[in-house]
């Protein structure tokens, strides 16, 4: 993760509603392999129950707005219209490796070479 990310920042980025604690997001996970502080999504509250509420309660979940009543059972929840899309958008923005804009020391450059901005 390139940028410091909290559930509040994520909720704002996703135009979602944060329910619960504004926690730091430490990574990503799935409902089948939950991890404390990591973020996952579920298409419905029934999927959360199927995964085991006690197993996922310390993960951060992106859930549909229809799960607002149950959301307080999880420490941090972001409610959105489309959880799968929101999760994909969050991954693309915050969890994709970014190229470093550097030139390796072993590179050989000719005389009078100019290197442009953002070159890797």
N, C-alpha and C. Protein backbone atom coordinates (compact mmCIF):
# COMPACT_ATOMS: atom_id res chain seq x y z
N UNK A 1 0.85 -1.16 0.00
CA UNK A 1 0.00 0.00 0.00
C UNK A 1 0.90 1.23 0.00
N UNK A 2 0.72 2.08 -0.98
CA UNK A 2 1.56 3.25 -1.12
C UNK A 2 1.17 4.39 -0.19
N UNK A 3 -0.10 4.51 0.10
CA UNK A 3 -0.58 5.66 0.85
C UNK A 3 -1.16 5.21 2.18
N UNK A 4 -1.03 6.05 3.21
CA UNK A 4 -1.65 5.80 4.50
C UNK A 4 -3.16 5.81 4.30
N UNK A 5 -3.84 4.79 4.76
CA UNK A 5 -5.27 4.67 4.49
C UNK A 5 -6.04 4.32 5.75
N UNK A 6 -7.06 5.09 6.03
CA UNK A 6 -7.98 4.79 7.13
C UNK A 6 -9.36 4.51 6.54
N UNK A 7 -10.23 3.97 7.37
CA UNK A 7 -11.59 3.70 6.90
C UNK A 7 -12.32 5.00 6.57
N UNK A 8 -12.00 6.08 7.28
CA UNK A 8 -12.61 7.37 6.98
C UNK A 8 -12.21 7.87 5.61
N UNK A 9 -10.92 7.77 5.28
CA UNK A 9 -10.43 8.18 3.96
C UNK A 9 -11.06 7.29 2.89
N UNK A 10 -11.10 5.99 3.15
CA UNK A 10 -11.68 5.06 2.17
C UNK A 10 -13.16 5.34 1.95
N UNK A 11 -13.90 5.58 3.03
CA UNK A 11 -15.33 5.88 2.90
C UNK A 11 -15.54 7.14 2.07
N UNK A 12 -14.73 8.15 2.32
CA UNK A 12 -14.82 9.40 1.55
C UNK A 12 -14.50 9.15 0.08
N UNK A 13 -13.43 8.41 -0.19
CA UNK A 13 -13.03 8.10 -1.56
C UNK A 13 -14.15 7.35 -2.30
N UNK A 14 -14.83 6.46 -1.59
CA UNK A 14 -15.87 5.63 -2.20
C UNK A 14 -17.25 6.26 -2.16
N UNK A 15 -17.34 7.48 -1.63
CA UNK A 15 -18.65 8.12 -1.42
C UNK A 15 -19.57 7.22 -0.61
N UNK A 16 -18.97 6.57 0.39
CA UNK A 16 -19.71 5.66 1.24
C UNK A 16 -19.95 6.26 2.61
N UNK A 17 -20.54 5.46 3.47
CA UNK A 17 -20.85 5.87 4.83
C UNK A 17 -20.10 4.97 5.81
N UNK A 18 -19.27 5.56 6.64
CA UNK A 18 -18.53 4.80 7.64
C UNK A 18 -19.41 4.56 8.85
N UNK A 19 -19.51 3.29 9.25
CA UNK A 19 -20.21 2.90 10.47
C UNK A 19 -19.16 2.29 11.39
N UNK A 20 -19.06 2.81 12.60
CA UNK A 20 -18.10 2.26 13.55
C UNK A 20 -16.85 3.11 13.67
N UNK A 21 -15.74 2.42 13.93
CA UNK A 21 -14.47 3.06 14.26
C UNK A 21 -13.68 3.42 13.01
N UNK A 22 -13.05 4.58 13.03
CA UNK A 22 -12.16 4.99 11.93
C UNK A 22 -10.80 4.35 12.18
N UNK A 23 -10.61 3.17 11.60
CA UNK A 23 -9.39 2.38 11.79
C UNK A 23 -8.43 2.55 10.62
N UNK A 24 -7.17 2.25 10.87
CA UNK A 24 -6.19 2.16 9.80
C UNK A 24 -6.38 0.84 9.07
N UNK A 25 -6.39 0.89 7.75
CA UNK A 25 -6.51 -0.32 6.93
C UNK A 25 -5.10 -0.86 6.71
N UNK A 26 -4.87 -2.10 7.14
CA UNK A 26 -3.53 -2.68 7.10
C UNK A 26 -3.28 -3.55 5.88
N UNK A 27 -4.32 -3.88 5.13
CA UNK A 27 -4.17 -4.74 3.96
C UNK A 27 -5.53 -5.15 3.44
N UNK A 28 -5.53 -6.17 2.61
CA UNK A 28 -6.78 -6.69 2.07
C UNK A 28 -6.93 -8.15 2.47
N UNK A 29 -8.17 -8.62 2.50
CA UNK A 29 -8.45 -10.01 2.82
C UNK A 29 -9.75 -10.41 2.14
N UNK A 30 -10.18 -11.61 2.40
CA UNK A 30 -11.47 -12.08 1.91
C UNK A 30 -12.30 -12.52 3.10
N UNK A 31 -13.58 -12.73 2.88
CA UNK A 31 -14.42 -13.23 3.96
C UNK A 31 -13.97 -14.62 4.40
N UNK A 32 -13.45 -15.41 3.46
CA UNK A 32 -12.99 -16.76 3.79
C UNK A 32 -11.66 -16.78 4.52
N UNK A 33 -10.87 -15.72 4.37
CA UNK A 33 -9.58 -15.60 5.07
C UNK A 33 -9.48 -14.21 5.70
N UNK A 34 -10.31 -13.94 6.69
CA UNK A 34 -10.30 -12.60 7.29
C UNK A 34 -9.04 -12.34 8.09
N UNK A 35 -8.71 -11.06 8.23
CA UNK A 35 -7.55 -10.65 9.02
C UNK A 35 -7.89 -9.36 9.74
N UNK A 36 -7.49 -9.21 10.99
CA UNK A 36 -7.76 -7.97 11.72
C UNK A 36 -7.15 -6.76 10.99
N UNK A 37 -7.97 -5.72 10.81
CA UNK A 37 -7.49 -4.50 10.18
C UNK A 37 -7.45 -4.53 8.67
N UNK A 38 -7.65 -5.70 8.08
CA UNK A 38 -7.65 -5.82 6.61
C UNK A 38 -9.07 -5.61 6.09
N UNK A 39 -9.18 -5.19 4.85
CA UNK A 39 -10.49 -4.86 4.28
C UNK A 39 -10.93 -5.91 3.28
N UNK A 40 -12.22 -6.20 3.31
CA UNK A 40 -12.84 -7.16 2.40
C UNK A 40 -14.22 -6.60 2.03
N UNK A 41 -14.90 -7.27 1.14
CA UNK A 41 -16.26 -6.85 0.80
C UNK A 41 -17.19 -8.05 0.85
N UNK A 42 -18.47 -7.75 0.99
CA UNK A 42 -19.51 -8.78 0.91
C UNK A 42 -20.68 -8.18 0.15
N UNK A 43 -21.28 -8.99 -0.72
CA UNK A 43 -22.41 -8.52 -1.51
C UNK A 43 -23.68 -8.40 -0.68
N UNK A 44 -23.71 -9.11 0.47
CA UNK A 44 -24.91 -9.08 1.31
C UNK A 44 -24.53 -9.44 2.74
N UNK A 45 -25.42 -9.12 3.68
CA UNK A 45 -25.18 -9.50 5.07
C UNK A 45 -25.19 -11.02 5.22
N UNK A 46 -25.97 -11.70 4.41
CA UNK A 46 -26.02 -13.17 4.45
C UNK A 46 -24.63 -13.77 4.18
N UNK A 47 -23.86 -13.14 3.30
CA UNK A 47 -22.49 -13.62 3.02
C UNK A 47 -21.61 -13.47 4.26
N UNK A 48 -21.80 -12.40 5.00
CA UNK A 48 -21.04 -12.18 6.24
C UNK A 48 -21.40 -13.27 7.24
N UNK A 49 -22.69 -13.54 7.40
CA UNK A 49 -23.12 -14.58 8.32
C UNK A 49 -22.61 -15.95 7.90
N UNK A 50 -22.61 -16.23 6.61
CA UNK A 50 -22.09 -17.51 6.10
C UNK A 50 -20.60 -17.67 6.41
N UNK A 51 -19.86 -16.58 6.33
CA UNK A 51 -18.43 -16.63 6.60
C UNK A 51 -18.15 -16.79 8.09
N UNK A 52 -19.11 -16.41 8.91
CA UNK A 52 -18.95 -16.49 10.36
C UNK A 52 -18.69 -15.12 10.94
N UNK A 53 -19.70 -14.55 11.52
CA UNK A 53 -19.61 -13.19 12.06
C UNK A 53 -18.44 -13.05 13.02
N UNK A 54 -18.23 -14.03 13.87
CA UNK A 54 -17.13 -13.95 14.84
C UNK A 54 -15.77 -13.96 14.16
N UNK A 55 -15.67 -14.58 12.99
CA UNK A 55 -14.40 -14.64 12.25
C UNK A 55 -14.06 -13.32 11.58
N UNK A 56 -15.08 -12.59 11.12
CA UNK A 56 -14.83 -11.38 10.33
C UNK A 56 -15.03 -10.09 11.10
N UNK A 57 -15.41 -10.19 12.36
CA UNK A 57 -15.79 -8.99 13.12
C UNK A 57 -14.65 -8.00 13.33
N UNK A 58 -13.40 -8.43 13.26
CA UNK A 58 -12.28 -7.48 13.41
C UNK A 58 -11.70 -7.04 12.08
N UNK A 59 -12.24 -7.59 10.99
CA UNK A 59 -11.86 -7.10 9.66
C UNK A 59 -12.69 -5.85 9.37
N UNK A 60 -12.29 -5.12 8.35
CA UNK A 60 -13.04 -3.95 7.89
C UNK A 60 -13.81 -4.41 6.66
N UNK A 61 -15.12 -4.17 6.65
CA UNK A 61 -15.94 -4.68 5.56
C UNK A 61 -16.59 -3.56 4.77
N UNK A 62 -16.63 -3.76 3.46
CA UNK A 62 -17.43 -2.92 2.56
C UNK A 62 -18.70 -3.70 2.31
N UNK A 63 -19.83 -3.11 2.69
CA UNK A 63 -21.12 -3.79 2.60
C UNK A 63 -22.13 -2.93 1.85
N UNK A 64 -23.20 -3.57 1.35
CA UNK A 64 -24.25 -2.79 0.70
C UNK A 64 -25.02 -1.97 1.74
N UNK A 65 -25.56 -0.86 1.30
CA UNK A 65 -26.31 0.03 2.20
C UNK A 65 -27.45 -0.69 2.90
N UNK A 66 -27.96 -1.74 2.30
CA UNK A 66 -29.06 -2.50 2.89
C UNK A 66 -28.65 -3.20 4.20
N UNK A 67 -27.36 -3.30 4.45
CA UNK A 67 -26.85 -3.95 5.66
C UNK A 67 -26.63 -2.96 6.80
N UNK A 68 -27.16 -1.77 6.68
CA UNK A 68 -26.92 -0.72 7.68
C UNK A 68 -27.35 -1.15 9.09
N UNK A 69 -28.47 -1.85 9.21
CA UNK A 69 -28.95 -2.28 10.52
C UNK A 69 -27.99 -3.23 11.22
N UNK A 70 -27.38 -4.12 10.47
CA UNK A 70 -26.50 -5.13 11.04
C UNK A 70 -25.06 -4.63 11.17
N UNK A 71 -24.72 -3.53 10.53
CA UNK A 71 -23.33 -3.08 10.43
C UNK A 71 -22.67 -2.85 11.78
N UNK A 72 -23.42 -2.52 12.79
CA UNK A 72 -22.82 -2.23 14.10
C UNK A 72 -22.20 -3.48 14.74
N UNK A 73 -22.46 -4.65 14.18
CA UNK A 73 -21.88 -5.89 14.71
C UNK A 73 -20.41 -6.06 14.28
N UNK A 74 -19.97 -5.23 13.35
CA UNK A 74 -18.58 -5.24 12.85
C UNK A 74 -17.93 -3.94 13.33
N UNK A 75 -16.67 -4.00 13.68
CA UNK A 75 -15.98 -2.81 14.23
C UNK A 75 -15.97 -1.64 13.26
N UNK A 76 -15.66 -1.90 11.98
CA UNK A 76 -15.62 -0.84 10.96
C UNK A 76 -16.26 -1.34 9.68
N UNK A 77 -17.25 -0.61 9.21
CA UNK A 77 -17.97 -0.97 7.98
C UNK A 77 -18.10 0.27 7.12
N UNK A 78 -17.93 0.09 5.82
CA UNK A 78 -18.20 1.15 4.85
C UNK A 78 -19.39 0.69 4.02
N UNK A 79 -20.47 1.46 4.07
CA UNK A 79 -21.67 1.14 3.32
C UNK A 79 -21.65 1.86 1.98
N UNK A 80 -21.89 1.11 0.90
CA UNK A 80 -21.89 1.65 -0.46
C UNK A 80 -23.01 1.01 -1.26
N UNK A 81 -23.24 1.53 -2.45
CA UNK A 81 -24.25 0.94 -3.34
C UNK A 81 -23.79 -0.40 -3.92
N UNK A 82 -22.54 -0.48 -4.32
CA UNK A 82 -22.02 -1.67 -4.99
C UNK A 82 -20.69 -2.08 -4.34
N UNK A 83 -20.73 -3.00 -3.36
CA UNK A 83 -19.51 -3.36 -2.63
C UNK A 83 -18.38 -3.91 -3.51
N UNK A 84 -18.72 -4.73 -4.49
CA UNK A 84 -17.68 -5.32 -5.35
C UNK A 84 -16.95 -4.22 -6.13
N UNK A 85 -17.69 -3.31 -6.71
CA UNK A 85 -17.09 -2.20 -7.46
C UNK A 85 -16.27 -1.31 -6.53
N UNK A 86 -16.80 -1.00 -5.37
CA UNK A 86 -16.08 -0.16 -4.41
C UNK A 86 -14.76 -0.81 -4.00
N UNK A 87 -14.77 -2.11 -3.76
CA UNK A 87 -13.55 -2.83 -3.38
C UNK A 87 -12.53 -2.76 -4.51
N UNK A 88 -12.99 -2.95 -5.75
CA UNK A 88 -12.09 -2.88 -6.91
C UNK A 88 -11.49 -1.47 -7.04
N UNK A 89 -12.30 -0.46 -6.84
CA UNK A 89 -11.81 0.92 -6.93
C UNK A 89 -10.78 1.21 -5.84
N UNK A 90 -11.02 0.71 -4.65
CA UNK A 90 -10.08 0.91 -3.54
C UNK A 90 -8.76 0.20 -3.82
N UNK A 91 -8.84 -1.03 -4.34
CA UNK A 91 -7.62 -1.77 -4.68
C UNK A 91 -6.81 -1.03 -5.75
N UNK A 92 -7.51 -0.54 -6.77
CA UNK A 92 -6.81 0.15 -7.86
C UNK A 92 -6.14 1.43 -7.38
N UNK A 93 -6.77 2.14 -6.45
CA UNK A 93 -6.22 3.42 -5.99
C UNK A 93 -5.13 3.26 -4.93
N UNK A 94 -5.31 2.33 -4.01
CA UNK A 94 -4.43 2.27 -2.85
C UNK A 94 -3.54 1.04 -2.74
N UNK A 95 -3.82 0.00 -3.49
CA UNK A 95 -3.08 -1.25 -3.29
C UNK A 95 -2.33 -1.73 -4.52
N UNK A 96 -2.24 -0.92 -5.55
CA UNK A 96 -1.47 -1.28 -6.75
C UNK A 96 -0.04 -0.80 -6.59
N UNK A 97 0.91 -1.64 -6.94
CA UNK A 97 2.30 -1.17 -6.87
C UNK A 97 2.51 -0.02 -7.86
N UNK A 98 3.19 0.97 -7.42
CA UNK A 98 3.50 2.12 -8.27
C UNK A 98 4.96 2.03 -8.69
N UNK A 99 5.24 2.34 -9.94
CA UNK A 99 6.64 2.29 -10.37
C UNK A 99 7.45 3.37 -9.67
N UNK A 100 8.67 3.04 -9.37
CA UNK A 100 9.55 4.07 -8.82
C UNK A 100 10.16 4.81 -10.01
N UNK A 101 10.23 6.09 -9.92
CA UNK A 101 10.74 6.90 -11.01
C UNK A 101 12.23 7.12 -10.81
N UNK A 102 12.98 6.06 -11.03
CA UNK A 102 14.43 6.11 -10.86
C UNK A 102 15.11 5.40 -12.02
N UNK A 103 16.38 5.63 -12.12
CA UNK A 103 17.19 4.94 -13.12
C UNK A 103 18.24 4.15 -12.35
N UNK A 104 18.36 2.90 -12.64
CA UNK A 104 19.29 2.04 -11.93
C UNK A 104 20.73 2.52 -12.12
N UNK A 105 21.54 2.25 -11.12
CA UNK A 105 22.94 2.67 -11.19
C UNK A 105 23.69 1.95 -12.30
N UNK A 106 23.22 0.80 -12.76
CA UNK A 106 23.93 0.05 -13.79
C UNK A 106 23.56 0.49 -15.21
N UNK A 107 22.64 1.48 -15.34
CA UNK A 107 22.25 1.96 -16.66
C UNK A 107 23.41 2.70 -17.32
N UNK A 108 23.56 2.54 -18.61
CA UNK A 108 24.59 3.23 -19.39
C UNK A 108 23.90 4.26 -20.28
N UNK A 109 24.27 5.52 -20.10
CA UNK A 109 23.66 6.60 -20.86
C UNK A 109 24.73 7.29 -21.70
N UNK A 110 24.36 7.63 -22.92
CA UNK A 110 25.28 8.34 -23.79
C UNK A 110 25.48 9.78 -23.37
N UNK A 111 26.44 10.43 -23.99
CA UNK A 111 26.69 11.84 -23.71
C UNK A 111 25.49 12.68 -24.13
N UNK A 112 25.25 13.74 -23.40
CA UNK A 112 24.18 14.71 -23.70
C UNK A 112 22.78 14.11 -23.72
N UNK A 113 22.59 13.02 -23.01
CA UNK A 113 21.25 12.40 -22.91
C UNK A 113 20.45 13.14 -21.87
N UNK A 114 19.23 13.45 -22.21
CA UNK A 114 18.31 14.06 -21.26
C UNK A 114 17.22 13.05 -20.92
N UNK A 115 16.98 12.87 -19.64
CA UNK A 115 15.97 11.93 -19.17
C UNK A 115 14.74 12.72 -18.78
N UNK A 116 13.59 12.34 -19.31
CA UNK A 116 12.35 13.02 -19.00
C UNK A 116 11.83 12.72 -17.61
N UNK A 117 10.78 13.41 -17.25
CA UNK A 117 10.16 13.19 -15.94
C UNK A 117 9.48 11.83 -15.89
N UNK A 118 9.39 11.29 -14.71
CA UNK A 118 8.69 10.03 -14.46
C UNK A 118 9.25 8.84 -15.21
N UNK A 119 10.51 8.86 -15.53
CA UNK A 119 11.15 7.75 -16.23
C UNK A 119 11.53 6.68 -15.22
N UNK A 120 11.30 5.44 -15.60
CA UNK A 120 11.69 4.32 -14.75
C UNK A 120 12.68 3.47 -15.50
